Amino acid sequence: MNPASSAPAVSSVIASLSALPNFDPRAVPVAGVDDALPPVPAAALAPAALRARFAQPPAWTPEVRVDPRLPSSAREPTRAAVLVPIVLRDAGPTVLLTERTAHLSNHSGQVAFPGGRADPGDRDAAATALRETMEEVGIAAAFIDVLGHLSTYVTGTAFVVTPVVGLVRADYEPRPNAYEVADMFEVPLEFLMNPAHHRRHVLDTQGMRREWFSMPYQDGGRERFIWGATAGMLRNLYRFLSA
């Protein structure tokens, strides 16, 4: 996809702060909400419209691309891919997300897309995303129609992540890997593509000014706190669909 200068950039990069001791992103005050930006129209979120957008992508600029590297992350960058799984529900498309288990070494306990590091045998980022999705949540490639991908996103833990966007049949049967996935849930795509639900946070720590988005979603009586890299990639999807 060809980036252009059509979208404003965030004043600073988003931070992945999960390695900081006693850090709770929910406790950081909200610096602003982007309710002045227009939501992506519902018609543009229909399956046919999504297929058409990825078949002929517009000129657009990713808003968030790189996290500051965390002090605890000294390794070389690692290629990875995630699936942005848009589930085709009758009531409207949703995005399938996972909650990572607490014992994982990277981004433990956070809301995430299914995905992970590339294997040498993976043909491309889509192959990585599909393989990891099968391993993490048990959704086979036969249930997924890959539309395309967004620009890479570099996390503070040195993963160079390609977000692969795909449509998922609603009759998928979830089989989460209990070692990696504590929970699975879906959020309406319309909710996520409305900037009135995009909150900005700012924190000065360790000599750095860190900024990130959050998109808290009330799932029944439970808050699903979407933030950091996952929220950053969703924000880029918003910019892509609204370009």
C-alpha atoms as a PDB file:
ATOM      1  CA  MET A   1       0.000   0.000   0.000  1.00  0.00           C
ATOM      2  CA  ASN A   2       1.359   3.377  -0.942  1.00  0.00           C
ATOM      3  CA  PRO A   3       1.578   5.830   1.963  1.00  0.00           C
ATOM      4  CA  ALA A   4       0.830   9.491   1.370  1.00  0.00           C
ATOM      5  CA  SER A   5       0.693  12.574   3.546  1.00  0.00           C
ATOM      6  CA  SER A   6      -3.091  12.611   3.837  1.00  0.00           C
ATOM      7  CA  ALA A   7      -3.410  11.866   7.556  1.00  0.00           C
ATOM      8  CA  PRO A   8      -1.950  13.737  10.535  1.00  0.00           C
ATOM      9  CA  ALA A   9       0.684  12.021  12.639  1.00  0.00           C
ATOM     10  CA  VAL A  10       0.560  11.488  16.361  1.00  0.00           C
ATOM     11  CA  SER A  11       2.882  13.934  18.113  1.00  0.00           C
ATOM     12  CA  SER A  12       4.883  11.072  19.569  1.00  0.00           C
ATOM     13  CA  VAL A  13       5.058   7.328  19.137  1.00  0.00           C
ATOM     14  CA  ILE A  14       2.897   4.916  21.100  1.00  0.00           C
ATOM     15  CA  ALA A  15       4.655   3.088  23.900  1.00  0.00           C
ATOM     16  CA  SER A  16       4.441  -0.525  24.993  1.00  0.00           C
ATOM     17  CA  LEU A  17       4.948  -0.242  28.735  1.00  0.00           C
ATOM     18  CA  SER A  18       4.109  -3.730  29.909  1.00  0.00           C
ATOM     19  CA  ALA A  19       7.679  -4.335  31.135  1.00  0.00           C
ATOM     20  CA  LEU A  20       7.607  -1.401  33.561  1.00  0.00           C
ATOM     21  CA  PRO A  21       7.112  -2.488  37.193  1.00  0.00           C
ATOM     22  CA  ASN A  22       3.709  -1.785  38.756  1.00  0.00           C
ATOM     23  CA  PHE A  23       2.466  -0.167  35.546  1.00  0.00           C
ATOM     24  CA  ASP A  24      -1.291  -0.076  35.018  1.00  0.00           C
ATOM     25  CA  PRO A  25      -2.271   1.669  31.766  1.00  0.00           C
ATOM     26  CA  ARG A  26      -5.822   2.142  33.073  1.00  0.00           C
ATOM     27  CA  ALA A  27      -4.475   4.426  35.811  1.00  0.00           C
ATOM     28  CA  VAL A  28      -2.841   6.885  33.403  1.00  0.00           C
ATOM     29  CA  PRO A  29      -5.133   9.908  32.851  1.00  0.00           C
ATOM     30  CA  VAL A  30      -6.826  10.417  29.506  1.00  0.00           C
ATOM     31  CA  ALA A  31      -5.198  13.306  27.653  1.00  0.00           C
ATOM     32  CA  GLY A  32      -7.892  13.566  25.007  1.00  0.00           C
ATOM     33  CA  VAL A  33     -10.590  11.826  23.001  1.00  0.00           C
ATOM     34  CA  ASP A  34     -10.789  12.078  19.210  1.00  0.00           C
ATOM     35  CA  ASP A  35     -14.547  12.587  18.999  1.00  0.00           C
ATOM     36  CA  ALA A  36     -14.042  15.441  16.504  1.00  0.00           C
ATOM     37  CA  LEU A  37     -12.949  12.933  13.854  1.00  0.00           C
ATOM     38  CA  PRO A  38     -15.684  11.264  11.755  1.00  0.00           C
ATOM     39  CA  PRO A  39     -16.409   7.557  12.158  1.00  0.00           C
ATOM     40  CA  VAL A  40     -16.008   5.218   9.224  1.00  0.00           C
ATOM     41  CA  PRO A  41     -19.521   4.949   7.683  1.00  0.00           C
ATOM     42  CA  ALA A  42     -21.288   1.662   8.327  1.00  0.00           C
ATOM     43  CA  ALA A  43     -21.576   1.049   4.576  1.00  0.00           C
ATOM     44  CA  ALA A  44     -17.781   1.123   4.301  1.00  0.00           C
ATOM     45  CA  LEU A  45     -17.541  -1.689   6.863  1.00  0.00           C
ATOM     46  CA  ALA A  46     -19.656  -4.138   4.864  1.00  0.00           C
ATOM     47  CA  PRO A  47     -17.751  -7.172   3.511  1.00  0.00           C
ATOM     48  CA  ALA A  48     -18.008  -6.068  -0.136  1.00  0.00           C
ATOM     49  CA  ALA A  49     -16.766  -2.592   0.735  1.00  0.00           C
ATOM     50  CA  LEU A  50     -13.830  -3.986   2.711  1.00  0.00           C
ATOM     51  CA  ARG A  51     -12.865  -6.274  -0.158  1.00  0.00           C
ATOM     52  CA  ALA A  52     -13.036  -3.363  -2.600  1.00  0.00           C
ATOM     53  CA  ARG A  53     -10.921  -1.119  -0.347  1.00  0.00           C
ATOM     54  CA  PHE A  54      -8.130  -3.683  -0.054  1.00  0.00           C
ATOM     55  CA  ALA A  55      -8.338  -4.575  -3.763  1.00  0.00           C
ATOM     56  CA  GLN A  56      -7.699  -0.926  -4.649  1.00  0.00           C
ATOM     57  CA  PRO A  57      -6.064   0.640  -1.591  1.00  0.00           C
ATOM     58  CA  PRO A  58      -6.069   4.435  -1.330  1.00  0.00           C
ATOM     59  CA  ALA A  59      -3.092   6.647  -0.637  1.00  0.00           C
ATOM     60  CA  TRP A  60      -2.862   6.825   3.145  1.00  0.00           C
ATOM     61  CA  THR A  61      -0.394   7.369   5.974  1.00  0.00           C
ATOM     62  CA  PRO A  62      -0.153   5.111   9.037  1.00  0.00           C
ATOM     63  CA  GLU A  63      -0.575   7.241  12.119  1.00  0.00           C
ATOM     64  CA  VAL A  64       1.460   5.098  14.512  1.00  0.00           C
ATOM     65  CA  ARG A  65       4.337   2.877  13.418  1.00  0.00           C
ATOM     66  CA  VAL A  66       7.074   2.550  16.039  1.00  0.00           C
ATOM     67  CA  ASP A  67       7.208   2.151  19.822  1.00  0.00           C
ATOM     68  CA  PRO A  68      10.277   3.325  21.735  1.00  0.00           C
ATOM     69  CA  ARG A  69      12.373   0.272  22.547  1.00  0.00           C
ATOM     70  CA  LEU A  70      12.000  -0.678  26.180  1.00  0.00           C
ATOM     71  CA  PRO A  71      15.148  -0.733  28.300  1.00  0.00           C
ATOM     72  CA  SER A  72      14.524  -4.440  28.958  1.00  0.00           C
ATOM     73  CA  SER A  73      14.493  -5.237  25.223  1.00  0.00           C
ATOM     74  CA  ALA A  74      18.017  -5.474  23.851  1.00  0.00           C
ATOM     75  CA  ARG A  75      17.529  -8.165  21.207  1.00  0.00           C
ATOM     76  CA  GLU A  76      17.553  -7.673  17.467  1.00  0.00           C
ATOM     77  CA  PRO A  77      14.238  -6.949  15.660  1.00  0.00           C
ATOM     78  CA  THR A  78      12.131 -10.047  14.971  1.00  0.00           C
ATOM     79  CA  ARG A  79       9.668 -10.387  12.102  1.00  0.00           C
ATOM     80  CA  ALA A  80       6.123 -11.203  13.157  1.00  0.00           C
ATOM     81  CA  ALA A  81       2.567 -11.003  11.887  1.00  0.00           C
ATOM     82  CA  VAL A  82      -0.877 -10.815  13.422  1.00  0.00           C
ATOM     83  CA  LEU A  83      -4.303 -11.459  11.991  1.00  0.00           C
ATOM     84  CA  VAL A  84      -6.874  -8.675  12.311  1.00  0.00           C
ATOM     85  CA  PRO A  85      -9.853 -11.069  12.204  1.00  0.00           C
ATOM     86  CA  ILE A  86     -13.087  -9.399  11.083  1.00  0.00           C
ATOM     87  CA  VAL A  87     -15.908 -11.820  11.855  1.00  0.00           C
ATOM     88  CA  LEU A  88     -18.911 -11.701   9.519  1.00  0.00           C
ATOM     89  CA  ARG A  89     -21.810 -11.534  11.977  1.00  0.00           C
ATOM     90  CA  ASP A  90     -25.399 -10.937  10.805  1.00  0.00           C
ATOM     91  CA  ALA A  91     -25.697  -7.963  13.174  1.00  0.00           C
ATOM     92  CA  GLY A  92     -22.549  -6.399  11.717  1.00  0.00           C
ATOM     93  CA  PRO A  93     -18.855  -7.275  11.517  1.00  0.00           C
ATOM     94  CA  THR A  94     -16.859  -7.705  14.692  1.00  0.00           C
ATOM     95  CA  VAL A  95     -13.150  -7.956  15.476  1.00  0.00           C
ATOM     96  CA  LEU A  96     -11.963 -11.056  17.301  1.00  0.00           C
ATOM     97  CA  LEU A  97      -9.411 -10.339  20.025  1.00  0.00           C
ATOM     98  CA  THR A  98      -7.640 -12.404  22.639  1.00  0.00           C
ATOM     99  CA  GLU A  99      -6.437 -11.823  26.163  1.00  0.00           C
ATOM    100  CA  ARG A 100      -2.928 -13.215  26.576  1.00  0.00           C
ATOM    101  CA  THR A 101      -2.142 -15.381  29.566  1.00  0.00           C
ATOM    102  CA  ALA A 102      -0.298 -13.775  32.468  1.00  0.00           C
ATOM    103  CA  HIS A 103       2.821 -15.986  32.348  1.00  0.00           C
ATOM    104  CA  LEU A 104       3.922 -15.114  28.783  1.00  0.00           C
ATOM    105  CA  SER A 105       7.243 -13.264  28.484  1.00  0.00           C
ATOM    106  CA  ASN A 106       5.971 -10.625  26.009  1.00  0.00           C
ATOM    107  CA  HIS A 107       2.796  -8.531  26.457  1.00  0.00           C
ATOM    108  CA  SER A 108       1.400 -10.874  29.106  1.00  0.00           C
ATOM    109  CA  GLY A 109      -2.201 -10.263  30.140  1.00  0.00           C
ATOM    110  CA  GLN A 110      -2.801  -7.775  27.339  1.00  0.00           C
ATOM    111  CA  VAL A 111      -5.520  -7.692  24.700  1.00  0.00           C
ATOM    112  CA  ALA A 112      -4.011  -8.776  21.398  1.00  0.00           C
ATOM    113  CA  PHE A 113      -4.643 -10.073  17.910  1.00  0.00           C
ATOM    114  CA  PRO A 114      -3.784 -13.712  17.258  1.00  0.00           C
ATOM    115  CA  GLY A 115      -0.283 -13.873  15.811  1.00  0.00           C
ATOM    116  CA  GLY A 116       3.394 -14.235  16.528  1.00  0.00           C
ATOM    117  CA  ARG A 117       6.893 -14.443  15.142  1.00  0.00           C
ATOM    118  CA  ALA A 118       7.587 -15.662  11.617  1.00  0.00           C
ATOM    119  CA  ASP A 119       8.982 -19.139  11.046  1.00  0.00           C
ATOM    120  CA  PRO A 120      11.598 -19.811   8.344  1.00  0.00           C
ATOM    121  CA  GLY A 121       9.071 -21.914   6.442  1.00  0.00           C
ATOM    122  CA  ASP A 122       6.415 -19.190   6.289  1.00  0.00           C
ATOM    123  CA  ARG A 123       5.930 -17.977   2.716  1.00  0.00           C
ATOM    124  CA  ASP A 124       4.902 -14.445   3.744  1.00  0.00           C
ATOM    125  CA  ALA A 125       3.236 -12.445   6.507  1.00  0.00           C
ATOM    126  CA  ALA A 126      -0.184 -13.886   5.664  1.00  0.00           C
ATOM    127  CA  ALA A 127       1.184 -17.414   6.105  1.00  0.00           C
ATOM    128  CA  THR A 128       2.591 -16.443   9.505  1.00  0.00           C
ATOM    129  CA  ALA A 129      -0.689 -14.849  10.607  1.00  0.00           C
ATOM    130  CA  LEU A 130      -2.781 -17.829   9.473  1.00  0.00           C
ATOM    131  CA  ARG A 131      -0.460 -20.385  11.083  1.00  0.00           C
ATOM    132  CA  GLU A 132      -0.347 -18.479  14.372  1.00  0.00           C
ATOM    133  CA  THR A 133      -4.126 -17.998  14.362  1.00  0.00           C
ATOM    134  CA  MET A 134      -4.599 -21.743  14.008  1.00  0.00           C
ATOM    135  CA  GLU A 135      -2.099 -22.418  16.784  1.00  0.00           C
ATOM    136  CA  GLU A 136      -3.509 -19.820  19.197  1.00  0.00           C
ATOM    137  CA  VAL A 137      -7.279 -19.927  18.699  1.00  0.00           C
ATOM    138  CA  GLY A 138      -7.879 -22.955  16.466  1.00  0.00           C
ATOM    139  CA  ILE A 139      -9.369 -21.135  13.463  1.00  0.00           C
ATOM    140  CA  ALA A 140      -8.277 -22.865  10.265  1.00  0.00           C
ATOM    141  CA  ALA A 141      -7.284 -20.958   7.137  1.00  0.00           C
ATOM    142  CA  ALA A 142     -10.348 -22.348   5.343  1.00  0.00           C
ATOM    143  CA  PHE A 143     -12.494 -20.059   7.514  1.00  0.00           C
ATOM    144  CA  ILE A 144     -10.473 -16.933   6.654  1.00  0.00           C
ATOM    145  CA  ASP A 145     -10.487 -14.756   3.532  1.00  0.00           C
ATOM    146  CA  VAL A 146      -7.281 -12.692   3.598  1.00  0.00           C
ATOM    147  CA  LEU A 147      -7.928  -9.174   2.237  1.00  0.00           C
ATOM    148  CA  GLY A 148      -4.463  -7.655   2.508  1.00  0.00           C
ATOM    149  CA  HIS A 149      -2.218  -6.052   5.076  1.00  0.00           C
ATOM    150  CA  LEU A 150      -1.451  -2.740   6.729  1.00  0.00           C
ATOM    151  CA  SER A 151       1.961  -1.137   7.205  1.00  0.00           C
ATOM    152  CA  THR A 152       4.346  -2.759   9.637  1.00  0.00           C
ATOM    153  CA  TYR A 153       4.277  -1.791  13.288  1.00  0.00           C
ATOM    154  CA  VAL A 154       7.439  -2.029  15.416  1.00  0.00           C
ATOM    155  CA  THR A 155       6.773  -2.795  19.070  1.00  0.00           C
ATOM    156  CA  GLY A 156       8.875  -1.655  21.997  1.00  0.00           C
ATOM    157  CA  THR A 157       9.874  -5.295  22.478  1.00  0.00           C
ATOM    158  CA  ALA A 158      11.489  -5.285  19.002  1.00  0.00           C
ATOM    159  CA  PHE A 159       8.882  -7.167  16.986  1.00  0.00           C
ATOM    160  CA  VAL A 160       8.356  -5.876  13.437  1.00  0.00           C
ATOM    161  CA  VAL A 161       4.688  -6.781  13.058  1.00  0.00           C
ATOM    162  CA  THR A 162       2.697  -6.963   9.824  1.00  0.00           C
ATOM    163  CA  PRO A 163      -1.060  -6.709  10.518  1.00  0.00           C
ATOM    164  CA  VAL A 164      -2.868  -9.017   8.060  1.00  0.00           C
ATOM    165  CA  VAL A 165      -6.573  -8.249   7.676  1.00  0.00           C
ATOM    166  CA  GLY A 166      -8.971 -11.099   6.984  1.00  0.00           C
ATOM    167  CA  LEU A 167     -12.683 -11.851   6.951  1.00  0.00           C
ATOM    168  CA  VAL A 168     -13.637 -14.767   9.197  1.00  0.00           C
ATOM    169  CA  ARG A 169     -16.728 -16.918   8.745  1.00  0.00           C
ATOM    170  CA  ALA A 170     -19.092 -16.635  11.687  1.00  0.00           C
ATOM    171  CA  ASP A 171     -19.345 -20.421  12.050  1.00  0.00           C
ATOM    172  CA  TYR A 172     -15.740 -20.791  13.189  1.00  0.00           C
ATOM    173  CA  GLU A 173     -15.259 -23.014  16.229  1.00  0.00           C
ATOM    174  CA  PRO A 174     -12.838 -21.452  18.722  1.00  0.00           C
ATOM    175  CA  ARG A 175     -10.228 -23.766  20.207  1.00  0.00           C
ATOM    176  CA  PRO A 176      -7.983 -21.451  22.242  1.00  0.00           C
ATOM    177  CA  ASN A 177      -4.531 -22.640  23.241  1.00  0.00           C
ATOM    178  CA  ALA A 178      -4.738 -22.473  27.035  1.00  0.00           C
ATOM    179  CA  TYR A 179      -1.004 -21.807  27.362  1.00  0.00           C
ATOM    180  CA  GLU A 180      -1.183 -18.575  25.332  1.00  0.00           C
ATOM    181  CA  VAL A 181      -4.823 -17.445  25.414  1.00  0.00           C
ATOM    182  CA  ALA A 182      -6.703 -16.681  28.620  1.00  0.00           C
ATOM    183  CA  ASP A 183      -9.860 -15.482  26.859  1.00  0.00           C
ATOM    184  CA  MET A 184     -11.373 -14.633  23.467  1.00  0.00           C
ATOM    185  CA  PHE A 185     -13.993 -11.986  22.703  1.00  0.00           C
ATOM    186  CA  GLU A 186     -15.411  -9.914  19.847  1.00  0.00           C
ATOM    187  CA  VAL A 187     -15.873  -6.151  19.559  1.00  0.00           C
ATOM    188  CA  PRO A 188     -18.098  -4.509  16.905  1.00  0.00           C
ATOM    189  CA  LEU A 189     -15.959  -3.139  14.080  1.00  0.00           C
ATOM    190  CA  GLU A 190     -18.210  -0.067  14.012  1.00  0.00           C
ATOM    191  CA  PHE A 191     -17.251   0.678  17.632  1.00  0.00           C
ATOM    192  CA  LEU A 192     -13.536   0.388  16.907  1.00  0.00           C
ATOM    193  CA  MET A 193     -13.744   2.506  13.749  1.00  0.00           C
ATOM    194  CA  ASN A 194     -15.359   5.417  15.605  1.00  0.00           C
ATOM    195  CA  PRO A 195     -12.681   7.816  16.973  1.00  0.00           C
ATOM    196  CA  ALA A 196     -15.100   8.918  19.695  1.00  0.00           C
ATOM    197  CA  HIS A 197     -13.909   5.698  21.365  1.00  0.00           C
ATOM    198  CA  HIS A 198     -10.202   6.422  20.776  1.00  0.00           C
ATOM    199  CA  ARG A 199      -8.617   7.842  23.913  1.00  0.00           C
ATOM    200  CA  ARG A 200      -5.097   9.305  24.098  1.00  0.00           C
ATOM    201  CA  HIS A 201      -2.827   8.811  27.100  1.00  0.00           C
ATOM    202  CA  VAL A 202       0.472  10.545  27.929  1.00  0.00           C
ATOM    203  CA  LEU A 203       3.066   9.508  30.481  1.00  0.00           C
ATOM    204  CA  ASP A 204       6.535  10.918  31.216  1.00  0.00           C
ATOM    205  CA  THR A 205       8.694   8.084  32.538  1.00  0.00           C
ATOM    206  CA  GLN A 206      12.325   6.985  32.434  1.00  0.00           C
ATOM    207  CA  GLY A 207      13.250  10.239  30.700  1.00  0.00           C
ATOM    208  CA  MET A 208      10.820   9.645  27.832  1.00  0.00           C
ATOM    209  CA  ARG A 209       7.453  11.096  26.919  1.00  0.00           C
ATOM    210  CA  ARG A 210       5.240   8.165  25.951  1.00  0.00           C
ATOM    211  CA  GLU A 211       1.862   8.369  24.252  1.00  0.00           C
ATOM    212  CA  TRP A 212      -0.605   5.662  23.301  1.00  0.00           C
ATOM    213  CA  PHE A 213      -4.240   5.026  22.422  1.00  0.00           C
ATOM    214  CA  SER A 214      -6.786   3.025  24.360  1.00  0.00           C
ATOM    215  CA  MET A 215     -10.208   1.822  23.217  1.00  0.00           C
ATOM    216  CA  PRO A 216     -11.982   0.434  26.306  1.00  0.00           C
ATOM    217  CA  TYR A 217     -15.016  -1.686  25.437  1.00  0.00           C
ATOM    218  CA  GLN A 218     -17.772  -2.693  27.854  1.00  0.00           C
ATOM    219  CA  ASP A 219     -18.435  -6.385  27.241  1.00  0.00           C
ATOM    220  CA  GLY A 220     -21.463  -7.047  29.407  1.00  0.00           C
ATOM    221  CA  GLY A 221     -20.266  -6.137  32.879  1.00  0.00           C
ATOM    222  CA  ARG A 222     -16.575  -6.410  32.007  1.00  0.00           C
ATOM    223  CA  GLU A 223     -14.257  -3.782  30.571  1.00  0.00           C
ATOM    224  CA  ARG A 224     -12.002  -5.008  27.770  1.00  0.00           C
ATOM    225  CA  PHE A 225      -9.048  -2.612  27.868  1.00  0.00           C
ATOM    226  CA  ILE A 226      -7.613  -2.420  24.344  1.00  0.00           C
ATOM    227  CA  TRP A 227      -4.445  -0.330  24.301  1.00  0.00           C
ATOM    228  CA  GLY A 228      -0.834  -0.052  23.123  1.00  0.00           C
ATOM    229  CA  ALA A 229       0.187  -1.896  19.959  1.00  0.00           C
ATOM    230  CA  THR A 230      -3.254  -3.451  19.402  1.00  0.00           C
ATOM    231  CA  ALA A 231      -4.983  -0.078  19.666  1.00  0.00           C
ATOM    232  CA  GLY A 232      -2.279   1.476  17.463  1.00  0.00           C
ATOM    233  CA  MET A 233      -2.889  -1.048  14.694  1.00  0.00           C
ATOM    234  CA  LEU A 234      -6.645  -0.513  14.962  1.00  0.00           C
ATOM    235  CA  ARG A 235      -6.045   3.233  14.694  1.00  0.00           C
ATOM    236  CA  ASN A 236      -4.076   2.604  11.500  1.00  0.00           C
ATOM    237  CA  LEU A 237      -6.966   0.510  10.180  1.00  0.00           C
ATOM    238  CA  TYR A 238      -9.231   3.483  10.877  1.00  0.00           C
ATOM    239  CA  ARG A 239      -6.903   5.760   8.886  1.00  0.00           C
ATOM    240  CA  PHE A 240      -6.787   3.245   6.030  1.00  0.00           C
ATOM    241  CA  LEU A 241     -10.575   2.849   5.841  1.00  0.00           C
ATOM    242  CA  SER A 242     -11.262   6.576   6.176  1.00  0.00           C
ATOM    243  CA  ALA A 243      -8.608   7.746   3.664  1.00  0.00           C
END
